[in-house]
Structure formats: C-alpha cells, structure tokens
Amino acid sequence: MYRHGDKVKIKTWDQMVEEYGSPEDYGSPFDSIACVHGFYGRMEEELNRISINRVLTIKRRKEDGWYHMKEIGWNWKEDFIECLAEKYVEPIPVRNRFELMDLDYFSAKKYFIAGI
C-alpha cells in the first residue's frame, strides 16, 4: 500500500498485456486490458504525454483502494503500479533553539544572560 506523497512508477502497456493479455485476446470492444480494474489505452496515451519516466505522485488514497494522482486525472489501482519510485518523507518542523533545549522563553533568557 502506498500513501500520500509517494512517487510511484506505472507499468507500461506492454507489461500490462504480458500480465493480463491484450484486448484482442478476449474481444474487448474498448481499447482496454482486462485486469481486475481495466487499464485503458487513453490512460497510457495521457501518461506518456505527461510523464516520460512514468512516475506519478499520489495525491490521495481512497478507502476503496483507488489512488488519485497529482499529475493526471485518472483513478489508479495497485494493479497498474510497477514499483515505488520515491518514498515521501514528512518534513521535519523547524523548531527554535529553546524548544530544542526543552526550555521555555523565560528560563532560556535567564540561562543565556547568566551565562550558565
């Protein structure tokens, strides 16, 4: 399972065909691969236009397991994801020196003025 901010690499059309078969194999009237959730040719075209390296950033994950991506409007399932390209790391909040020393302002002022 991936989370908000993670960058994931999306499988290629050829990888999806190898894994699930081509649309011609099962007579699909649409240009779609019959994996569990359907991978459409339009998804592939738009993805290739937006991202050369096929890496997308997860905007959010819905409770039903669908992922919304920052760069593209389609919904994506884990079936479509090849691998994690970059894990999102929460930024460390900037803290002042008094918080780092676990001192309140008045204790710190006394501490620094006294030169202790």
Protein backbone atom coordinates (compact mmCIF):
# COMPACT_ATOMS: atom_id res chain seq x y z
CA MET A 1 0.00 0.00 0.00
CA TYR A 2 1.26 3.45 -0.91
CA ARG A 3 0.46 6.74 0.76
CA HIS A 4 0.05 10.43 0.04
CA GLY A 5 3.19 11.98 -1.44
CA ASP A 6 4.80 8.72 -2.56
CA LYS A 7 6.03 8.70 -6.15
CA VAL A 8 5.15 5.50 -7.98
CA LYS A 9 6.13 4.13 -11.37
CA ILE A 10 3.23 3.00 -13.55
CA LYS A 11 3.51 -0.22 -15.59
CA THR A 12 3.80 0.08 -19.37
CA TRP A 13 1.10 -1.10 -21.75
CA ASP A 14 3.37 -4.00 -22.75
CA GLN A 15 3.82 -5.05 -19.11
CA MET A 16 0.05 -4.99 -18.61
CA VAL A 17 -0.52 -7.03 -21.80
CA GLU A 18 2.09 -9.57 -20.67
CA GLU A 19 0.45 -9.88 -17.28
CA TYR A 20 -3.26 -9.79 -18.26
CA GLY A 21 -3.43 -10.36 -22.04
CA SER A 22 -4.23 -7.96 -24.87
CA PRO A 23 -7.69 -6.51 -25.64
CA GLU A 24 -7.81 -8.65 -28.80
CA ASP A 25 -7.38 -11.84 -26.72
CA TYR A 26 -10.84 -11.51 -25.21
CA GLY A 27 -12.61 -9.40 -27.85
CA SER A 28 -12.79 -6.16 -25.88
CA PRO A 29 -14.86 -3.52 -27.72
CA PHE A 30 -12.77 -0.89 -25.95
CA ASP A 31 -9.04 -0.35 -26.02
CA SER A 32 -8.66 -1.78 -22.51
CA ILE A 33 -6.74 -4.52 -20.78
CA ALA A 34 -8.94 -6.75 -18.66
CA CYS A 35 -7.02 -6.67 -15.43
CA VAL A 36 -9.15 -6.55 -12.29
CA HIS A 37 -9.99 -2.86 -12.83
CA GLY A 38 -9.42 -2.15 -16.54
CA PHE A 39 -6.38 -0.35 -17.95
CA TYR A 40 -7.36 1.85 -20.89
CA GLY A 41 -5.34 2.89 -23.91
CA ARG A 42 -6.32 6.51 -23.21
CA MET A 43 -4.69 6.21 -19.78
CA GLU A 44 -1.49 5.04 -21.45
CA GLU A 45 -1.55 7.85 -24.03
CA GLU A 46 -2.13 10.57 -21.44
CA LEU A 47 0.51 9.11 -19.12
CA ASN A 48 3.09 9.07 -21.92
CA ARG A 49 2.26 12.68 -22.74
CA ILE A 50 2.60 13.84 -19.11
CA SER A 51 5.50 11.80 -17.75
CA ILE A 52 8.36 10.36 -19.79
CA ASN A 53 9.62 8.22 -16.90
CA ARG A 54 6.04 7.09 -15.96
CA VAL A 55 6.40 8.35 -12.37
CA LEU A 56 3.36 9.90 -10.70
CA THR A 57 2.79 11.41 -7.26
CA ILE A 58 -0.03 10.06 -5.13
CA LYS A 59 -2.40 12.86 -4.19
CA ARG A 60 -4.62 10.67 -2.01
CA ARG A 61 -5.75 7.11 -1.48
CA LYS A 62 -9.45 6.43 -1.22
CA GLU A 63 -10.86 3.88 1.24
CA ASP A 64 -11.75 1.54 -1.64
CA GLY A 65 -8.07 1.36 -2.66
CA TRP A 66 -8.15 3.70 -5.66
CA TYR A 67 -5.35 6.23 -5.93
CA HIS A 68 -5.73 9.80 -7.18
CA MET A 69 -2.55 11.17 -8.73
CA LYS A 70 -1.35 14.75 -8.66
CA GLU A 71 -0.31 14.96 -12.31
CA ILE A 72 -3.15 13.10 -14.07
CA GLY A 73 -6.91 12.79 -13.66
CA TRP A 74 -7.45 9.04 -13.93
CA ASN A 75 -8.05 6.77 -10.93
CA TRP A 76 -5.35 4.13 -10.47
CA LYS A 77 -5.23 0.77 -8.69
CA GLU A 78 -2.21 -1.09 -7.36
CA ASP A 79 -2.53 -3.44 -10.37
CA PHE A 80 -1.23 -0.55 -12.50
CA ILE A 81 1.73 0.32 -10.28
CA GLU A 82 5.08 -1.27 -11.03
CA CYS A 83 7.01 -0.07 -8.00
CA LEU A 84 7.70 2.70 -5.52
CA ALA A 85 9.97 5.26 -7.16
CA GLU A 86 10.43 7.57 -4.18
CA LYS A 87 9.01 7.35 -0.67
CA TYR A 88 7.50 10.52 0.73
CA VAL A 89 9.22 11.74 3.88
CA GLU A 90 7.38 14.13 6.18
CA PRO A 91 9.28 17.40 6.54
CA ILE A 92 10.73 17.99 9.99
CA PRO A 93 9.10 21.05 11.53
CA VAL A 94 11.51 23.92 12.17
CA ARG A 95 11.95 24.48 15.86
CA ASN A 96 13.67 27.25 17.73
CA ARG A 97 16.66 26.66 19.99
CA PHE A 98 14.55 26.98 23.17
CA GLU A 99 12.28 24.13 22.10
CA LEU A 100 15.28 22.01 21.21
CA MET A 101 16.70 22.58 24.69
CA ASP A 102 13.24 21.97 26.17
CA LEU A 103 13.29 25.39 27.86
CA ASP A 104 10.56 27.97 27.93
CA TYR A 105 11.41 31.56 26.91
CA PHE A 106 11.95 32.91 30.43
CA SER A 107 14.15 30.03 31.56
CA ALA A 108 16.18 30.35 28.37
CA LYS A 109 16.56 34.11 28.79
CA LYS A 110 17.83 33.62 32.36
CA TYR A 111 20.09 30.78 31.20
CA PHE A 112 21.71 32.78 28.40
CA ILE A 113 22.01 36.05 30.38
CA ALA A 114 23.56 34.34 33.40
CA GLY A 115 25.97 32.50 31.11
CA ILE A 116 25.42 29.25 32.93
